[in-house]
Amino acid sequence: MPPQRLKRLDEARWRWAAIDAIAFLGWTAAVAVGLLDRLDRAATAVVRPDDEWLWPQVLCNHFVDRLEPGHAVWVPAVVALVACVVRRSVRPAVLAAGTGAVTAAAVVAVKTWVAQPDGQGNLYNGGSYPSGHTVALVVCSGLTVLLVTARPPRRAWLVPAGLGVVMASCLVVIGAHWLSDVVGGVLLGMLVLAVLHASGLARWAAGPQGTPSPLARGRSRGRSRGW
């Protein structure tokens, strides 16, 4: 790919990351000062009137349980280990572990700072904003995409975006989070992925591939001898 086109792509990626960061910071500030409280209560009243637990809540609860952070994290972990073996490099594992640690620290820091009570008035794990379930699923699915291919096509981003929206909707339907919590979770998760993509860390993890395999070394010797 021509250098000028690569430069334009990098600029576009950082531009999207900056837009996401501004959106997340603005949304977080609105949550912190209580501007979205009325919206949260209205959304909860629409999807779960009178605290009813009907078939939509049962279905959404199953989805949330199956894709909770403790389960979702295994997908990029396994993909990273396979990538380490195939590429003969520890870089994919370093990327996966580093991304997980930074994401977890960011979630805890924002929860502690905003300290938004959940629907029952509890401050479990520091608060309900942002939704850790939503952040984890968006980051885990997007990180998996980046571990598979460091330069994914645009349609590949529909995977983390789609899963994040479904998780966010389910959490609101079962009353586990406010609408503002899950929107913040999607924004934070996509911000982590945008920075990973724009910074080139995904491309760093994709190469170099470490020590060549014996077959590759044999082919190299053959070419050098004119075979």
Protein backbone atom coordinates (compact mmCIF):
# COMPACT_ATOMS: atom_id res chain seq x y z
CA MET A 1 0.00 0.00 0.00
CA PRO A 2 1.41 3.46 -0.94
CA PRO A 3 2.84 5.44 2.02
CA GLN A 4 0.48 8.38 1.41
CA ARG A 5 -2.57 6.13 1.60
CA LEU A 6 -1.24 4.54 4.81
CA LYS A 7 -0.79 8.00 6.29
CA ARG A 8 -4.36 8.96 5.39
CA LEU A 9 -5.67 5.75 6.94
CA ASP A 10 -3.74 6.41 10.17
CA GLU A 11 -5.10 9.96 10.32
CA ALA A 12 -8.65 8.69 9.80
CA ARG A 13 -8.24 6.10 12.57
CA TRP A 14 -6.97 8.69 15.05
CA ARG A 15 -9.80 11.01 14.03
CA TRP A 16 -12.38 8.32 14.88
CA ALA A 17 -10.60 7.63 18.17
CA ALA A 18 -10.71 11.34 19.04
CA ILE A 19 -14.43 11.57 18.20
CA ASP A 20 -15.13 8.52 20.37
CA ALA A 21 -13.08 9.97 23.24
CA ILE A 22 -14.96 13.28 23.10
CA ALA A 23 -18.30 11.45 23.01
CA PHE A 24 -17.35 9.27 25.98
CA LEU A 25 -16.05 12.17 28.06
CA GLY A 26 -19.11 14.28 27.30
CA TRP A 27 -21.49 11.42 28.11
CA THR A 28 -19.60 10.66 31.33
CA ALA A 29 -19.80 14.29 32.42
CA ALA A 30 -23.55 14.32 31.76
CA VAL A 31 -23.97 11.18 33.88
CA ALA A 32 -21.82 12.57 36.70
CA VAL A 33 -23.93 15.72 37.07
CA GLY A 34 -27.25 13.89 36.77
CA LEU A 35 -28.40 15.26 33.40
CA LEU A 36 -29.46 11.80 32.21
CA ASP A 37 -31.36 10.65 35.31
CA ARG A 38 -34.78 11.36 33.82
CA LEU A 39 -33.87 9.57 30.59
CA ASP A 40 -32.66 6.54 32.57
CA ARG A 41 -35.88 6.26 34.54
CA ALA A 42 -38.02 6.70 31.43
CA ALA A 43 -36.13 3.98 29.52
CA THR A 44 -36.42 1.54 32.42
CA ALA A 45 -40.14 2.23 32.76
CA VAL A 46 -40.66 1.45 29.06
CA VAL A 47 -38.77 -1.86 28.90
CA ARG A 48 -39.71 -3.13 32.35
CA PRO A 49 -42.93 -1.56 33.63
CA ASP A 50 -43.82 -2.32 37.26
CA ASP A 51 -40.63 -4.41 37.60
CA GLU A 52 -42.27 -7.28 35.72
CA TRP A 53 -40.21 -10.38 34.90
CA LEU A 54 -41.62 -11.86 31.69
CA TRP A 55 -40.24 -13.80 28.72
CA PRO A 56 -38.14 -10.85 27.38
CA GLN A 57 -36.36 -10.62 30.73
CA VAL A 58 -35.83 -14.41 30.84
CA LEU A 59 -34.35 -14.42 27.33
CA CYS A 60 -32.11 -11.42 27.98
CA ASN A 61 -30.95 -12.85 31.28
CA HIS A 62 -29.78 -16.03 29.51
CA PHE A 63 -27.79 -13.95 26.99
CA VAL A 64 -26.16 -11.87 29.75
CA ASP A 65 -25.22 -14.99 31.72
CA ARG A 66 -23.68 -16.73 28.69
CA LEU A 67 -21.58 -13.73 27.64
CA GLU A 68 -20.59 -12.27 31.00
CA PRO A 69 -16.98 -10.99 31.26
CA GLY A 70 -15.74 -14.22 32.86
CA HIS A 71 -16.89 -16.15 29.78
CA ALA A 72 -16.22 -13.56 27.06
CA VAL A 73 -12.57 -13.14 28.04
CA TRP A 74 -11.76 -16.72 27.07
CA VAL A 75 -12.35 -16.07 23.36
CA PRO A 76 -9.52 -13.55 22.82
CA ALA A 77 -7.35 -15.47 25.30
CA VAL A 78 -7.56 -18.67 23.25
CA VAL A 79 -7.18 -16.80 19.94
CA ALA A 80 -4.11 -15.00 21.33
CA LEU A 81 -2.50 -18.30 22.36
CA VAL A 82 -3.16 -19.81 18.93
CA ALA A 83 -1.72 -16.69 17.29
CA CYS A 84 1.40 -17.00 19.46
CA VAL A 85 1.96 -20.54 18.21
CA VAL A 86 1.23 -19.77 14.56
CA ARG A 87 3.30 -16.57 14.48
CA ARG A 88 5.99 -17.92 16.78
CA SER A 89 5.82 -14.76 18.88
CA VAL A 90 4.54 -13.73 22.32
CA ARG A 91 3.27 -10.41 20.99
CA PRO A 92 -0.38 -11.49 20.59
CA ALA A 93 -0.46 -12.62 24.23
CA VAL A 94 1.15 -9.36 25.36
CA LEU A 95 -1.45 -7.39 23.40
CA ALA A 96 -4.35 -9.40 24.85
CA ALA A 97 -3.09 -9.22 28.44
CA GLY A 98 -2.22 -5.53 28.22
CA THR A 99 -5.56 -4.63 26.67
CA GLY A 100 -7.43 -6.54 29.37
CA ALA A 101 -5.49 -4.90 32.19
CA VAL A 102 -5.85 -1.35 30.83
CA THR A 103 -9.56 -1.84 30.11
CA ALA A 104 -10.25 -3.22 33.59
CA ALA A 105 -8.34 -0.35 35.22
CA ALA A 106 -10.24 2.23 33.15
CA VAL A 107 -13.61 0.71 34.06
CA VAL A 108 -12.80 0.64 37.78
CA ALA A 109 -11.45 4.22 37.72
CA VAL A 110 -14.53 5.63 35.98
CA LYS A 111 -16.92 3.63 38.20
CA THR A 112 -15.20 4.97 41.31
CA TRP A 113 -15.16 8.56 40.07
CA VAL A 114 -18.76 8.72 38.83
CA ALA A 115 -20.17 6.52 41.63
CA GLN A 116 -23.60 6.15 40.03
CA PRO A 117 -25.97 3.91 42.07
CA ASP A 118 -27.79 1.13 40.21
CA GLY A 119 -31.56 0.76 40.07
CA GLN A 120 -31.62 -0.60 43.63
CA GLY A 121 -29.51 2.26 44.96
CA ASN A 122 -26.39 0.11 45.39
CA LEU A 123 -22.81 1.06 44.58
CA TYR A 124 -21.65 -2.47 43.73
CA ASN A 125 -18.01 -2.50 42.56
CA GLY A 126 -17.84 1.28 42.82
CA GLY A 127 -20.99 2.08 40.86
CA SER A 128 -23.00 1.07 37.82
CA TYR A 129 -21.42 3.47 35.27
CA PRO A 130 -20.06 2.33 32.89
CA SER A 131 -21.44 -1.17 32.40
CA GLY A 132 -18.52 -3.58 32.80
CA HIS A 133 -20.43 -6.33 31.00
CA THR A 134 -20.87 -4.11 27.95
CA VAL A 135 -17.27 -2.86 27.91
CA ALA A 136 -15.93 -6.42 28.27
CA LEU A 137 -18.00 -7.87 25.43
CA VAL A 138 -17.18 -5.02 23.04
CA VAL A 139 -13.44 -5.17 23.80
CA CYS A 140 -13.21 -8.98 23.83
CA SER A 141 -15.00 -9.37 20.48
CA GLY A 142 -13.11 -6.48 18.87
CA LEU A 143 -9.77 -7.69 20.22
CA THR A 144 -10.50 -11.11 18.74
CA VAL A 145 -11.04 -9.47 15.35
CA LEU A 146 -7.72 -7.60 15.64
CA LEU A 147 -5.86 -10.75 16.68
CA VAL A 148 -7.19 -12.58 13.63
CA THR A 149 -6.34 -9.76 11.22
CA ALA A 150 -4.45 -6.58 12.10
CA ARG A 151 -6.14 -4.72 9.24
CA PRO A 152 -9.77 -5.79 9.42
CA PRO A 153 -12.30 -4.61 6.82
CA ARG A 154 -14.81 -2.03 7.96
CA ARG A 155 -17.64 -4.56 8.14
CA ALA A 156 -15.65 -6.52 10.75
CA TRP A 157 -16.38 -3.75 13.27
CA LEU A 158 -20.04 -4.71 13.08
CA VAL A 159 -19.14 -7.70 15.31
CA PRO A 160 -18.16 -5.76 18.47
CA ALA A 161 -20.70 -3.02 17.75
CA GLY A 162 -23.55 -5.50 17.27
CA LEU A 163 -22.68 -7.61 20.31
CA GLY A 164 -22.29 -4.47 22.40
CA VAL A 165 -25.74 -3.19 21.41
CA VAL A 166 -27.36 -6.56 22.14
CA MET A 167 -25.66 -6.82 25.56
CA ALA A 168 -26.57 -3.21 26.35
CA SER A 169 -30.21 -3.78 25.44
CA CYS A 170 -30.42 -6.96 27.50
CA LEU A 171 -28.93 -5.31 30.58
CA VAL A 172 -31.50 -2.52 30.43
CA VAL A 173 -34.37 -4.98 29.83
CA ILE A 174 -33.51 -7.03 32.92
CA GLY A 175 -32.99 -3.90 35.00
CA ALA A 176 -29.33 -4.58 35.75
CA HIS A 177 -28.17 -1.21 34.38
CA TRP A 178 -29.43 2.22 33.45
CA LEU A 179 -29.49 3.22 29.78
CA SER A 180 -26.70 5.72 30.43
CA ASP A 181 -24.52 2.93 31.89
CA VAL A 182 -24.67 0.75 28.80
CA VAL A 183 -24.22 3.63 26.34
CA GLY A 184 -21.11 4.62 28.28
CA GLY A 185 -19.95 1.00 28.16
CA VAL A 186 -20.27 0.84 24.38
CA LEU A 187 -18.45 4.16 23.97
CA LEU A 188 -15.59 3.13 26.27
CA GLY A 189 -15.25 -0.28 24.63
CA MET A 190 -15.15 1.20 21.14
CA LEU A 191 -12.64 3.82 22.34
CA VAL A 192 -10.26 1.09 23.53
CA LEU A 193 -10.54 -0.66 20.14
CA ALA A 194 -10.13 2.60 18.22
CA VAL A 195 -6.89 3.39 20.09
CA LEU A 196 -5.61 -0.16 19.56
CA HIS A 197 -6.26 0.10 15.84
CA ALA A 198 -4.99 3.66 15.36
CA SER A 199 -1.82 3.21 17.44
CA GLY A 200 -0.64 0.26 15.37
CA LEU A 201 -0.50 -2.08 18.37
CA ALA A 202 -2.55 -4.67 16.52
CA ARG A 203 -0.10 -4.53 13.60
CA TRP A 204 2.80 -4.76 16.08
CA ALA A 205 1.27 -7.94 17.53
CA ALA A 206 0.92 -9.43 14.05
CA GLY A 207 4.65 -9.38 13.32
CA PRO A 208 7.44 -10.19 13.12
CA GLN A 209 6.54 -13.84 13.24
CA GLY A 210 9.55 -14.94 15.25
CA THR A 211 11.76 -17.87 14.31
CA PRO A 212 10.86 -19.37 10.91
CA SER A 213 9.65 -22.94 10.84
CA PRO A 214 12.02 -25.68 9.59
CA LEU A 215 10.04 -25.84 6.33
CA ALA A 216 10.42 -22.10 5.79
CA ARG A 217 14.16 -22.29 6.54
CA GLY A 218 14.50 -25.13 4.03
CA ARG A 219 12.77 -23.14 1.33
CA SER A 220 14.98 -20.14 2.09
CA ARG A 221 18.14 -22.23 1.73
CA GLY A 222 16.80 -23.68 -1.49
CA ARG A 223 16.21 -20.24 -3.00
CA SER A 224 19.70 -19.07 -1.96
CA ARG A 225 21.20 -22.11 -3.74
CA GLY A 226 19.19 -21.46 -6.88
CA TRP A 227 16.89 -24.52 -6.51
